[in-house]
Amino acid sequence: MNIVFLMGEILEIEKFKFIIDSKNDRKSRIAMKVKLLDGNIIKAICYDEIADYILRNDYLKKVVFIKGKLESSSKEIQVVIHYVKKY
């Protein structure tokens, strides 16, 4: 497993989506663009409870600490968030 620790500012939060993924038992999803401290912009995705937590709390334009896992899809590498903390 590829665990990553990142710090950056959330630039954009996409719409909250309800999904049914019988393979992974994921029910909801939010994707975000995060600008890291070194200037790189990454795509971060969170599911279920963490997605709901980010939706309910004001995380847009906030500096956050992220613990997650790297995953690759057919087009890009993304970070799946397991823990997020606002500063």
PDB file of N, CA and C in Angstrom:
ATOM      1  N   MET A   1       0.844  -1.177   0.000  1.00  0.00           N
ATOM      2  CA  MET A   1       0.000   0.000   0.000  1.00  0.00           C
ATOM      3  C   MET A   1       0.886   1.236   0.000  1.00  0.00           C
ATOM      4  N   ASN A   2       0.531   2.242  -0.784  1.00  0.00           N
ATOM      5  CA  ASN A   2       1.265   3.489  -0.893  1.00  0.00           C
ATOM      6  C   ASN A   2       0.593   4.557  -0.032  1.00  0.00           C
ATOM      7  N   ILE A   3       1.097   4.782   1.166  1.00  0.00           N
ATOM      8  CA  ILE A   3       0.520   5.790   2.047  1.00  0.00           C
ATOM      9  C   ILE A   3       1.227   7.113   1.792  1.00  0.00           C
ATOM     10  N   VAL A   4       0.445   8.189   1.674  1.00  0.00           N
ATOM     11  CA  VAL A   4       1.009   9.519   1.456  1.00  0.00           C
ATOM     12  C   VAL A   4       0.480  10.479   2.511  1.00  0.00           C
ATOM     13  N   PHE A   5       1.308  11.448   2.851  1.00  0.00           N
ATOM     14  CA  PHE A   5       0.935  12.536   3.751  1.00  0.00           C
ATOM     15  C   PHE A   5       1.147  13.827   2.986  1.00  0.00           C
ATOM     16  N   LEU A   6       0.102  14.625   2.843  1.00  0.00           N
ATOM     17  CA  LEU A   6       0.153  15.836   2.040  1.00  0.00           C
ATOM     18  C   LEU A   6      -0.406  17.011   2.819  1.00  0.00           C
ATOM     19  N   MET A   7       0.047  18.209   2.448  1.00  0.00           N
ATOM     20  CA  MET A   7      -0.509  19.422   3.024  1.00  0.00           C
ATOM     21  C   MET A   7      -0.706  20.414   1.891  1.00  0.00           C
ATOM     22  N   GLY A   8      -1.886  21.037   1.860  1.00  0.00           N
ATOM     23  CA  GLY A   8      -2.177  21.991   0.804  1.00  0.00           C
ATOM     24  C   GLY A   8      -3.522  22.649   1.007  1.00  0.00           C
ATOM     25  N   GLU A   9      -3.903  23.454   0.017  1.00  0.00           N
ATOM     26  CA  GLU A   9      -5.153  24.206   0.061  1.00  0.00           C
ATOM     27  C   GLU A   9      -6.148  23.592  -0.919  1.00  0.00           C
ATOM     28  N   ILE A  10      -7.382  23.411  -0.472  1.00  0.00           N
ATOM     29  CA  ILE A  10      -8.423  22.873  -1.336  1.00  0.00           C
ATOM     30  C   ILE A  10      -8.926  23.997  -2.240  1.00  0.00           C
ATOM     31  N   LEU A  11      -8.707  23.839  -3.550  1.00  0.00           N
ATOM     32  CA  LEU A  11      -9.096  24.859  -4.524  1.00  0.00           C
ATOM     33  C   LEU A  11     -10.527  24.691  -5.007  1.00  0.00           C
ATOM     34  N   GLU A  12     -10.945  23.451  -5.168  1.00  0.00           N
ATOM     35  CA  GLU A  12     -12.253  23.192  -5.774  1.00  0.00           C
ATOM     36  C   GLU A  12     -12.811  21.886  -5.222  1.00  0.00           C
ATOM     37  N   ILE A  13     -14.092  21.894  -4.926  1.00  0.00           N
ATOM     38  CA  ILE A  13     -14.785  20.676  -4.488  1.00  0.00           C
ATOM     39  C   ILE A  13     -15.883  20.388  -5.494  1.00  0.00           C
ATOM     40  N   GLU A  14     -15.832  19.208  -6.093  1.00  0.00           N
ATOM     41  CA  GLU A  14     -16.864  18.820  -7.050  1.00  0.00           C
ATOM     42  C   GLU A  14     -18.135  18.432  -6.316  1.00  0.00           C
ATOM     43  N   LYS A  15     -19.179  18.174  -7.067  1.00  0.00           N
ATOM     44  CA  LYS A  15     -20.461  17.815  -6.476  1.00  0.00           C
ATOM     45  C   LYS A  15     -20.377  16.501  -5.703  1.00  0.00           C
ATOM     46  N   PHE A  16     -21.147  16.458  -4.643  1.00  0.00           N
ATOM     47  CA  PHE A  16     -21.302  15.239  -3.851  1.00  0.00           C
ATOM     48  C   PHE A  16     -22.088  14.244  -4.692  1.00  0.00           C
ATOM     49  N   LYS A  17     -21.564  13.038  -4.853  1.00  0.00           N
ATOM     50  CA  LYS A  17     -22.235  12.041  -5.681  1.00  0.00           C
ATOM     51  C   LYS A  17     -22.569  10.811  -4.856  1.00  0.00           C
ATOM     52  N   PHE A  18     -23.770  10.309  -5.070  1.00  0.00           N
ATOM     53  CA  PHE A  18     -24.145   9.023  -4.500  1.00  0.00           C
ATOM     54  C   PHE A  18     -23.835   7.967  -5.550  1.00  0.00           C
ATOM     55  N   ILE A  19     -23.122   6.953  -5.138  1.00  0.00           N
ATOM     56  CA  ILE A  19     -22.765   5.886  -6.065  1.00  0.00           C
ATOM     57  C   ILE A  19     -23.084   4.543  -5.425  1.00  0.00           C
ATOM     58  N   ILE A  20     -23.274   3.586  -6.243  1.00  0.00           N
ATOM     59  CA  ILE A  20     -23.450   2.227  -5.746  1.00  0.00           C
ATOM     60  C   ILE A  20     -22.363   1.395  -6.402  1.00  0.00           C
ATOM     61  N   ASP A  21     -21.413   0.988  -5.594  1.00  0.00           N
ATOM     62  CA  ASP A  21     -20.292   0.204  -6.088  1.00  0.00           C
ATOM     63  C   ASP A  21     -20.260  -1.097  -5.291  1.00  0.00           C
ATOM     64  N   SER A  22     -20.874  -2.112  -5.833  1.00  0.00           N
ATOM     65  CA  SER A  22     -20.971  -3.365  -5.093  1.00  0.00           C
ATOM     66  C   SER A  22     -19.609  -4.007  -4.857  1.00  0.00           C
ATOM     67  N   LYS A  23     -18.627  -3.639  -5.680  1.00  0.00           N
ATOM     68  CA  LYS A  23     -17.299  -4.212  -5.532  1.00  0.00           C
ATOM     69  C   LYS A  23     -16.611  -3.697  -4.267  1.00  0.00           C
ATOM     70  N   ASN A  24     -16.770  -2.407  -3.958  1.00  0.00           N
ATOM     71  CA  ASN A  24     -16.081  -1.813  -2.816  1.00  0.00           C
ATOM     72  C   ASN A  24     -17.001  -1.342  -1.703  1.00  0.00           C
ATOM     73  N   ASP A  25     -18.309  -1.494  -1.870  1.00  0.00           N
ATOM     74  CA  ASP A  25     -19.297  -1.053  -0.877  1.00  0.00           C
ATOM     75  C   ASP A  25     -19.184   0.439  -0.567  1.00  0.00           C
ATOM     76  N   ARG A  26     -18.893   1.243  -1.557  1.00  0.00           N
ATOM     77  CA  ARG A  26     -18.832   2.697  -1.385  1.00  0.00           C
ATOM     78  C   ARG A  26     -20.169   3.289  -1.783  1.00  0.00           C
ATOM     79  N   LYS A  27     -20.672   4.234  -0.962  1.00  0.00           N
ATOM     80  CA  LYS A  27     -22.002   4.781  -1.195  1.00  0.00           C
ATOM     81  C   LYS A  27     -22.001   6.228  -1.645  1.00  0.00           C
ATOM     82  N   SER A  28     -20.958   6.983  -1.302  1.00  0.00           N
ATOM     83  CA  SER A  28     -20.905   8.392  -1.688  1.00  0.00           C
ATOM     84  C   SER A  28     -19.465   8.789  -1.972  1.00  0.00           C
ATOM     85  N   ARG A  29     -19.330   9.928  -2.708  1.00  0.00           N
ATOM     86  CA  ARG A  29     -17.997  10.315  -3.174  1.00  0.00           C
ATOM     87  C   ARG A  29     -17.927  11.821  -3.380  1.00  0.00           C
ATOM     88  N   ILE A  30     -16.765  12.393  -3.067  1.00  0.00           N
ATOM     89  CA  ILE A  30     -16.463  13.782  -3.406  1.00  0.00           C
ATOM     90  C   ILE A  30     -15.036  13.810  -3.960  1.00  0.00           C
ATOM     91  N   ALA A  31     -14.843  14.524  -5.066  1.00  0.00           N
ATOM     92  CA  ALA A  31     -13.512  14.726  -5.634  1.00  0.00           C
ATOM     93  C   ALA A  31     -13.133  16.192  -5.440  1.00  0.00           C
ATOM     94  N   MET A  32     -11.842  16.439  -5.207  1.00  0.00           N
ATOM     95  CA  MET A  32     -11.359  17.798  -4.952  1.00  0.00           C
ATOM     96  C   MET A  32     -10.056  18.033  -5.695  1.00  0.00           C
ATOM     97  N   LYS A  33      -9.790  19.295  -5.988  1.00  0.00           N
ATOM     98  CA  LYS A  33      -8.485  19.705  -6.479  1.00  0.00           C
ATOM     99  C   LYS A  33      -7.767  20.363  -5.312  1.00  0.00           C
ATOM    100  N   VAL A  34      -6.553  19.888  -5.034  1.00  0.00           N
ATOM    101  CA  VAL A  34      -5.778  20.383  -3.903  1.00  0.00           C
ATOM    102  C   VAL A  34      -4.453  20.927  -4.423  1.00  0.00           C
ATOM    103  N   LYS A  35      -4.129  22.168  -4.044  1.00  0.00           N
ATOM    104  CA  LYS A  35      -2.843  22.763  -4.394  1.00  0.00           C
ATOM    105  C   LYS A  35      -1.898  22.522  -3.228  1.00  0.00           C
ATOM    106  N   LEU A  36      -0.861  21.729  -3.466  1.00  0.00           N
ATOM    107  CA  LEU A  36       0.093  21.385  -2.423  1.00  0.00           C
ATOM    108  C   LEU A  36       1.015  22.554  -2.116  1.00  0.00           C
ATOM    109  N   LEU A  37       1.742  22.455  -1.020  1.00  0.00           N
ATOM    110  CA  LEU A  37       2.644  23.537  -0.616  1.00  0.00           C
ATOM    111  C   LEU A  37       3.722  23.816  -1.646  1.00  0.00           C
ATOM    112  N   ASP A  38       4.106  22.810  -2.428  1.00  0.00           N
ATOM    113  CA  ASP A  38       5.134  23.021  -3.457  1.00  0.00           C
ATOM    114  C   ASP A  38       4.566  23.533  -4.778  1.00  0.00           C
ATOM    115  N   GLY A  39       3.252  23.765  -4.832  1.00  0.00           N
ATOM    116  CA  GLY A  39       2.629  24.349  -6.025  1.00  0.00           C
ATOM    117  C   GLY A  39       1.959  23.359  -6.950  1.00  0.00           C
ATOM    118  N   ASN A  40       2.195  22.059  -6.777  1.00  0.00           N
ATOM    119  CA  ASN A  40       1.542  21.060  -7.616  1.00  0.00           C
ATOM    120  C   ASN A  40       0.066  20.957  -7.271  1.00  0.00           C
ATOM    121  N   ILE A  41      -0.746  20.651  -8.289  1.00  0.00           N
ATOM    122  CA  ILE A  41      -2.178  20.470  -8.078  1.00  0.00           C
ATOM    123  C   ILE A  41      -2.505  19.005  -8.307  1.00  0.00           C
ATOM    124  N   ILE A  42      -3.189  18.399  -7.328  1.00  0.00           N
ATOM    125  CA  ILE A  42      -3.535  16.989  -7.410  1.00  0.00           C
ATOM    126  C   ILE A  42      -5.047  16.815  -7.300  1.00  0.00           C
ATOM    127  N   LYS A  43      -5.512  15.639  -7.683  1.00  0.00           N
ATOM    128  CA  LYS A  43      -6.917  15.279  -7.498  1.00  0.00           C
ATOM    129  C   LYS A  43      -6.992  14.343  -6.304  1.00  0.00           C
ATOM    130  N   ALA A  44      -7.848  14.689  -5.357  1.00  0.00           N
ATOM    131  CA  ALA A  44      -8.041  13.863  -4.173  1.00  0.00           C
ATOM    132  C   ALA A  44      -9.503  13.451  -4.109  1.00  0.00           C
ATOM    133  N   ILE A  45      -9.742  12.224  -3.727  1.00  0.00           N
ATOM    134  CA  ILE A  45     -11.095  11.680  -3.659  1.00  0.00           C
ATOM    135  C   ILE A  45     -11.323  11.114  -2.269  1.00  0.00           C
ATOM    136  N   CYS A  46     -12.520  11.336  -1.753  1.00  0.00           N
ATOM    137  CA  CYS A  46     -12.873  10.705  -0.484  1.00  0.00           C
ATOM    138  C   CYS A  46     -14.256  10.085  -0.612  1.00  0.00           C
ATOM    139  N   TYR A  47     -14.483   9.081   0.193  1.00  0.00           N
ATOM    140  CA  TYR A  47     -15.719   8.306   0.127  1.00  0.00           C
ATOM    141  C   TYR A  47     -16.434   8.306   1.477  1.00  0.00           C
ATOM    142  N   ASP A  48     -17.711   8.023   1.441  1.00  0.00           N
ATOM    143  CA  ASP A  48     -18.583   7.760   2.575  1.00  0.00           C
ATOM    144  C   ASP A  48     -18.481   8.784   3.701  1.00  0.00           C
ATOM    145  N   GLU A  49     -18.042   8.397   4.899  1.00  0.00           N
ATOM    146  CA  GLU A  49     -18.066   9.285   6.059  1.00  0.00           C
ATOM    147  C   GLU A  49     -17.180  10.516   5.873  1.00  0.00           C
ATOM    148  N   ILE A  50     -16.022  10.344   5.263  1.00  0.00           N
ATOM    149  CA  ILE A  50     -15.115  11.482   5.068  1.00  0.00           C
ATOM    150  C   ILE A  50     -15.693  12.434   4.029  1.00  0.00           C
ATOM    151  N   ALA A  51     -16.327  11.911   2.992  1.00  0.00           N
ATOM    152  CA  ALA A  51     -16.981  12.764   1.991  1.00  0.00           C
ATOM    153  C   ALA A  51     -18.096  13.576   2.633  1.00  0.00           C
ATOM    154  N   ASP A  52     -18.880  12.943   3.466  1.00  0.00           N
ATOM    155  CA  ASP A  52     -19.965  13.636   4.172  1.00  0.00           C
ATOM    156  C   ASP A  52     -19.408  14.691   5.123  1.00  0.00           C
ATOM    157  N   TYR A  53     -18.307  14.388   5.811  1.00  0.00           N
ATOM    158  CA  TYR A  53     -17.675  15.324   6.737  1.00  0.00           C
ATOM    159  C   TYR A  53     -17.172  16.579   6.009  1.00  0.00           C
ATOM    160  N   ILE A  54     -16.543  16.388   4.865  1.00  0.00           N
ATOM    161  CA  ILE A  54     -16.042  17.521   4.080  1.00  0.00           C
ATOM    162  C   ILE A  54     -17.200  18.345   3.539  1.00  0.00           C
ATOM    163  N   LEU A  55     -18.269  17.693   3.147  1.00  0.00           N
ATOM    164  CA  LEU A  55     -19.442  18.404   2.641  1.00  0.00           C
ATOM    165  C   LEU A  55     -20.086  19.263   3.734  1.00  0.00           C
ATOM    166  N   ARG A  56     -20.214  18.742   4.944  1.00  0.00           N
ATOM    167  CA  ARG A  56     -20.870  19.458   6.036  1.00  0.00           C
ATOM    168  C   ARG A  56     -20.021  20.582   6.614  1.00  0.00           C
ATOM    169  N   ASN A  57     -18.711  20.453   6.587  1.00  0.00           N
ATOM    170  CA  ASN A  57     -17.813  21.469   7.128  1.00  0.00           C
ATOM    171  C   ASN A  57     -17.207  22.267   5.985  1.00  0.00           C
ATOM    172  N   ASP A  58     -16.893  23.503   6.235  1.00  0.00           N
ATOM    173  CA  ASP A  58     -16.391  24.410   5.202  1.00  0.00           C
ATOM    174  C   ASP A  58     -14.904  24.155   4.952  1.00  0.00           C
ATOM    175  N   TYR A  59     -14.595  23.359   3.921  1.00  0.00           N
ATOM    176  CA  TYR A  59     -13.209  23.037   3.612  1.00  0.00           C
ATOM    177  C   TYR A  59     -12.682  23.791   2.388  1.00  0.00           C
ATOM    178  N   LEU A  60     -13.525  24.460   1.644  1.00  0.00           N
ATOM    179  CA  LEU A  60     -13.096  25.173   0.447  1.00  0.00           C
ATOM    180  C   LEU A  60     -12.178  26.321   0.815  1.00  0.00           C
ATOM    181  N   LYS A  61     -11.051  26.445   0.138  1.00  0.00           N
ATOM    182  CA  LYS A  61     -10.024  27.473   0.345  1.00  0.00           C
ATOM    183  C   LYS A  61      -9.354  27.372   1.714  1.00  0.00           C
ATOM    184  N   LYS A  62      -9.412  26.209   2.345  1.00  0.00           N
ATOM    185  CA  LYS A  62      -8.760  25.987   3.633  1.00  0.00           C
ATOM    186  C   LYS A  62      -7.502  25.153   3.433  1.00  0.00           C
ATOM    187  N   VAL A  63      -6.518  25.369   4.293  1.00  0.00           N
ATOM    188  CA  VAL A  63      -5.310  24.554   4.292  1.00  0.00           C
ATOM    189  C   VAL A  63      -5.609  23.286   5.083  1.00  0.00           C
ATOM    190  N   VAL A  64      -5.268  22.135   4.502  1.00  0.00           N
ATOM    191  CA  VAL A  64      -5.587  20.859   5.116  1.00  0.00           C
ATOM    192  C   VAL A  64      -4.367  19.944   5.144  1.00  0.00           C
ATOM    193  N   PHE A  65      -4.384  19.033   6.090  1.00  0.00           N
ATOM    194  CA  PHE A  65      -3.432  17.930   6.164  1.00  0.00           C
ATOM    195  C   PHE A  65      -4.187  16.683   5.734  1.00  0.00           C
ATOM    196  N   ILE A  66      -3.606  15.917   4.813  1.00  0.00           N
ATOM    197  CA  ILE A  66      -4.278  14.748   4.256  1.00  0.00           C
ATOM    198  C   ILE A  66      -3.405  13.518   4.446  1.00  0.00           C
ATOM    199  N   LYS A  67      -4.022  12.449   4.920  1.00  0.00           N
ATOM    200  CA  LYS A  67      -3.395  11.130   4.918  1.00  0.00           C
ATOM    201  C   LYS A  67      -4.223  10.283   3.969  1.00  0.00           C
ATOM    202  N   GLY A  68      -3.563   9.654   3.018  1.00  0.00           N
ATOM    203  CA  GLY A  68      -4.314   8.880   2.044  1.00  0.00           C
ATOM    204  C   GLY A  68      -3.492   7.800   1.393  1.00  0.00           C
ATOM    205  N   LYS A  69      -4.038   7.294   0.290  1.00  0.00           N
ATOM    206  CA  LYS A  69      -3.420   6.207  -0.443  1.00  0.00           C
ATOM    207  C   LYS A  69      -3.410   6.562  -1.928  1.00  0.00           C
ATOM    208  N   LEU A  70      -2.322   6.292  -2.597  1.00  0.00           N
ATOM    209  CA  LEU A  70      -2.246   6.525  -4.038  1.00  0.00           C
ATOM    210  C   LEU A  70      -2.965   5.407  -4.782  1.00  0.00           C
ATOM    211  N   GLU A  71      -3.773   5.797  -5.756  1.00  0.00           N
ATOM    212  CA  GLU A  71      -4.435   4.846  -6.648  1.00  0.00           C
ATOM    213  C   GLU A  71      -4.280   5.358  -8.068  1.00  0.00           C
ATOM    214  N   SER A  72      -4.175   4.448  -9.003  1.00  0.00           N
ATOM    215  CA  SER A  72      -4.091   4.893 -10.390  1.00  0.00           C
ATOM    216  C   SER A  72      -5.288   4.361 -11.157  1.00  0.00           C
ATOM    217  N   SER A  73      -5.837   5.256 -11.964  1.00  0.00           N
ATOM    218  CA  SER A  73      -6.899   4.843 -12.881  1.00  0.00           C
ATOM    219  C   SER A  73      -6.287   4.788 -14.268  1.00  0.00           C
ATOM    220  N   SER A  74      -7.099   4.659 -15.269  1.00  0.00           N
ATOM    221  CA  SER A  74      -6.570   4.545 -16.622  1.00  0.00           C
ATOM    222  C   SER A  74      -5.892   5.823 -17.097  1.00  0.00           C
ATOM    223  N   LYS A  75      -6.303   6.980 -16.561  1.00  0.00           N
ATOM    224  CA  LYS A  75      -5.780   8.251 -17.054  1.00  0.00           C
ATOM    225  C   LYS A  75      -4.834   8.951 -16.086  1.00  0.00           C
ATOM    226  N   GLU A  76      -5.026   8.781 -14.788  1.00  0.00           N
ATOM    227  CA  GLU A  76      -4.304   9.622 -13.840  1.00  0.00           C
ATOM    228  C   GLU A  76      -4.065   8.907 -12.520  1.00  0.00           C
ATOM    229  N   ILE A  77      -3.190   9.493 -11.732  1.00  0.00           N
ATOM    230  CA  ILE A  77      -2.956   9.022 -10.373  1.00  0.00           C
ATOM    231  C   ILE A  77      -3.719   9.945  -9.441  1.00  0.00           C
ATOM    232  N   GLN A  78      -4.404   9.380  -8.476  1.00  0.00           N
ATOM    233  CA  GLN A  78      -5.191  10.170  -7.539  1.00  0.00           C
ATOM    234  C   GLN A  78      -4.924   9.698  -6.118  1.00  0.00           C
ATOM    235  N   VAL A  79      -5.296  10.535  -5.163  1.00  0.00           N
ATOM    236  CA  VAL A  79      -5.136  10.219  -3.751  1.00  0.00           C
ATOM    237  C   VAL A  79      -6.514   9.932  -3.174  1.00  0.00           C
ATOM    238  N   VAL A  80      -6.664   8.791  -2.551  1.00  0.00           N
ATOM    239  CA  VAL A  80      -7.898   8.454  -1.846  1.00  0.00           C
ATOM    240  C   VAL A  80      -7.672   8.805  -0.376  1.00  0.00           C
ATOM    241  N   ILE A  81      -8.471   9.716   0.135  1.00  0.00           N
ATOM    242  CA  ILE A  81      -8.265  10.264   1.476  1.00  0.00           C
ATOM    243  C   ILE A  81      -8.820   9.318   2.536  1.00  0.00           C
ATOM    244  N   HIS A  82      -7.992   9.062   3.560  1.00  0.00           N
ATOM    245  CA  HIS A  82      -8.418   8.283   4.715  1.00  0.00           C
ATOM    246  C   HIS A  82      -8.579   9.158   5.952  1.00  0.00           C
ATOM    247  N   TYR A  83      -7.890  10.301   5.974  1.00  0.00           N
ATOM    248  CA  TYR A  83      -7.947  11.220   7.113  1.00  0.00           C
ATOM    249  C   TYR A  83      -7.685  12.620   6.599  1.00  0.00           C
ATOM    250  N   VAL A  84      -8.437  13.601   7.093  1.00  0.00           N
ATOM    251  CA  VAL A  84      -8.230  14.995   6.705  1.00  0.00           C
ATOM    252  C   VAL A  84      -8.421  15.875   7.926  1.00  0.00           C
ATOM    253  N   LYS A  85      -7.574  16.884   8.063  1.00  0.00           N
ATOM    254  CA  LYS A  85      -7.648  17.814   9.195  1.00  0.00           C
ATOM    255  C   LYS A  85      -7.460  19.220   8.654  1.00  0.00           C
ATOM    256  N   LYS A  86      -8.324  20.131   9.078  1.00  0.00           N
ATOM    257  CA  LYS A  86      -8.291  21.526   8.632  1.00  0.00           C
ATOM    258  C   LYS A  86      -7.407  22.345   9.572  1.00  0.00           C
ATOM    259  N   TYR A  87      -6.606  23.267   9.001  1.00  0.00           N
ATOM    260  CA  TYR A  87      -5.766  24.159   9.802  1.00  0.00           C
ATOM    261  C   TYR A  87      -6.178  25.576   9.615  1.00  0.00           C
TER     262      TYR A  87
END
